[in-house]
Amino acid sequence: MRTITLILCLIAFGMVNVIAKEGISLEQEVKEYDQIFSKIAKKRIGIDGTMIDKINNPFIVQTVEHNTSDITAPVQTPEYALEAIVNQRVKINGQWYGIHETIESYKIVKITQKSATLANEIETKELFIRTKNGNNVKILSK
């Protein structure tokens, strides 16, 4: 009987200890939330009315007239015409090139039986042998 009473007392003491610790952590949480609420409750100072009146309306589009004499013509990309493919060599615009050779800013990266692929840092062009209507170029962006 004494052992049962002793065990019950130890269990009760343990439960009281756990409840007390929960009360302390709950009290700590309340303090943290009180600090957060006190920071939120502080009055914030924003911009004054005169500054707001000076700001341009973002919903009104303002046009600026440009002097047309300063505008230069856009840079045109060169046209490439694939004329022939023979043994990993291609004839483009009358010149023969091999794989990994460069044509202006492009490098020949791939030659197949039906096409040649040119690439630079910005784009990739796949040339096909010229047809009557000139639809022989497909441009792929990286």
Protein backbone atom coordinates (compact mmCIF):
# COMPACT_ATOMS: atom_id res chain seq x y z
CA MET A 1 0.00 0.00 0.00
CA ARG A 2 2.83 2.37 0.80
CA THR A 3 4.45 1.75 -2.57
CA ILE A 4 1.18 2.55 -4.35
CA THR A 5 0.81 5.75 -2.34
CA LEU A 6 4.41 6.66 -3.06
CA ILE A 7 3.94 6.03 -6.79
CA LEU A 8 0.74 8.14 -6.83
CA CYS A 9 2.53 10.97 -5.02
CA LEU A 10 5.39 10.88 -7.53
CA ILE A 11 2.95 10.91 -10.44
CA ALA A 12 1.04 13.83 -8.91
CA PHE A 13 4.29 15.71 -8.27
CA GLY A 14 5.36 15.11 -11.90
CA MET A 15 2.03 16.36 -13.24
CA VAL A 16 2.19 19.49 -11.09
CA ASN A 17 5.72 20.12 -12.32
CA VAL A 18 4.66 19.73 -15.99
CA ILE A 19 1.66 22.04 -15.52
CA ALA A 20 3.86 24.63 -13.84
CA LYS A 21 6.34 24.54 -16.74
CA GLU A 22 3.48 24.97 -19.24
CA GLY A 23 2.28 27.97 -17.25
CA ILE A 24 5.74 29.53 -17.46
CA SER A 25 6.01 28.98 -21.22
CA LEU A 26 2.48 30.33 -21.68
CA GLU A 27 3.42 33.41 -19.67
CA GLN A 28 6.54 33.85 -21.85
CA GLU A 29 4.40 33.59 -25.02
CA VAL A 30 2.03 36.25 -23.70
CA LYS A 31 4.99 38.56 -23.06
CA GLU A 32 6.28 38.03 -26.63
CA TYR A 33 2.87 38.81 -28.11
CA ASP A 34 2.55 41.89 -25.91
CA GLN A 35 5.87 43.14 -27.31
CA ILE A 36 4.68 42.55 -30.88
CA PHE A 37 1.41 44.36 -30.23
CA SER A 38 3.20 47.30 -28.62
CA LYS A 39 5.40 47.66 -31.73
CA ILE A 40 2.32 47.57 -33.96
CA ALA A 41 0.50 50.12 -31.79
CA LYS A 42 3.20 52.76 -32.29
CA LYS A 43 2.08 55.58 -34.58
CA ARG A 44 3.86 55.44 -37.91
CA ILE A 45 4.78 58.64 -39.67
CA GLY A 46 4.20 58.58 -43.41
CA ILE A 47 4.65 61.08 -46.19
CA ASP A 48 3.03 64.47 -45.83
CA GLY A 49 0.32 65.81 -48.15
CA THR A 50 2.57 68.24 -50.04
CA MET A 51 4.86 65.41 -51.10
CA ILE A 52 1.90 63.34 -52.25
CA ASP A 53 0.68 66.25 -54.41
CA LYS A 54 4.09 66.42 -56.13
CA ILE A 55 3.98 62.76 -57.22
CA ASN A 56 2.94 62.16 -60.83
CA ASN A 57 -0.13 60.03 -61.44
CA PRO A 58 1.11 56.59 -62.58
CA PHE A 59 -2.09 55.97 -64.53
CA ILE A 60 -1.65 58.88 -66.93
CA VAL A 61 0.56 58.08 -69.91
CA GLN A 62 2.79 60.96 -70.85
CA THR A 63 4.16 61.03 -74.38
CA VAL A 64 7.55 62.47 -75.14
CA GLU A 65 8.25 63.76 -78.62
CA HIS A 66 11.52 62.56 -80.06
CA ASN A 67 13.63 64.30 -82.62
CA THR A 68 13.51 61.99 -85.67
CA SER A 69 16.92 63.15 -86.89
CA ASP A 70 18.58 61.44 -83.89
CA ILE A 71 17.04 58.06 -84.63
CA THR A 72 19.32 55.74 -86.55
CA ALA A 73 18.11 52.99 -88.83
CA PRO A 74 17.72 49.61 -87.10
CA VAL A 75 20.51 47.14 -87.61
CA GLN A 76 19.44 44.50 -90.09
CA THR A 77 20.46 40.93 -89.52
CA PRO A 78 22.26 39.43 -92.49
CA GLU A 79 20.43 37.04 -94.79
CA TYR A 80 21.96 33.61 -95.20
CA ALA A 81 21.13 31.39 -98.16
CA LEU A 82 22.13 27.74 -97.95
CA GLU A 83 22.95 26.73 -101.52
CA ALA A 84 24.56 23.28 -101.17
CA ILE A 85 25.61 20.58 -98.71
CA VAL A 86 28.50 18.22 -99.60
CA ASN A 87 30.45 15.98 -97.17
CA GLN A 88 30.04 18.07 -93.99
CA ARG A 89 30.68 21.27 -95.94
CA VAL A 90 28.06 23.86 -96.80
CA LYS A 91 27.85 26.61 -99.38
CA ILE A 92 26.27 29.70 -97.81
CA ASN A 93 25.94 32.92 -99.81
CA GLY A 94 28.43 31.65 -102.39
CA GLN A 95 31.15 30.65 -99.88
CA TRP A 96 32.08 27.16 -98.68
CA TYR A 97 32.31 26.51 -94.94
CA GLY A 98 33.02 23.53 -92.71
CA ILE A 99 31.68 22.62 -89.30
CA HIS A 100 32.82 24.94 -86.45
CA GLU A 101 33.76 27.72 -88.89
CA THR A 102 32.33 31.20 -88.36
CA ILE A 103 30.20 33.37 -90.62
CA GLU A 104 30.17 36.93 -89.23
CA SER A 105 28.80 36.51 -85.65
CA TYR A 106 27.54 32.95 -86.16
CA LYS A 107 29.33 29.63 -85.86
CA ILE A 108 28.33 26.53 -87.84
CA VAL A 109 27.46 24.05 -85.10
CA LYS A 110 25.71 21.27 -87.03
CA ILE A 111 25.47 20.04 -90.62
CA THR A 112 22.93 17.41 -91.65
CA GLN A 113 21.86 16.07 -95.05
CA LYS A 114 19.03 18.63 -95.24
CA SER A 115 20.15 21.60 -93.13
CA ALA A 116 22.91 23.60 -91.46
CA THR A 117 22.63 25.13 -87.99
CA LEU A 118 24.25 28.46 -87.16
CA ALA A 119 24.43 29.72 -83.57
CA ASN A 120 25.75 32.63 -81.55
CA GLU A 121 25.24 33.75 -77.93
CA ILE A 122 21.76 35.14 -78.67
CA GLU A 123 20.05 32.90 -81.19
CA THR A 124 20.23 29.77 -83.30
CA LYS A 125 19.36 29.67 -87.00
CA GLU A 126 18.66 26.52 -88.95
CA LEU A 127 19.16 26.95 -92.70
CA PHE A 128 17.58 24.71 -95.31
CA ILE A 129 18.42 24.61 -99.01
CA ARG A 130 16.76 27.58 -100.69
CA THR A 131 13.35 27.00 -102.21
CA LYS A 132 11.55 29.18 -104.76
CA ASN A 133 9.65 31.22 -102.18
CA GLY A 134 12.69 31.64 -99.90
CA ASN A 135 11.25 29.91 -96.81
CA ASN A 136 14.51 28.26 -95.82
CA VAL A 137 15.33 29.76 -92.41
CA LYS A 138 13.96 28.83 -89.00
CA ILE A 139 15.10 31.03 -86.09
CA LEU A 140 15.16 29.49 -82.61
CA SER A 141 15.94 31.57 -79.50
CA LYS A 142 17.88 30.14 -76.59
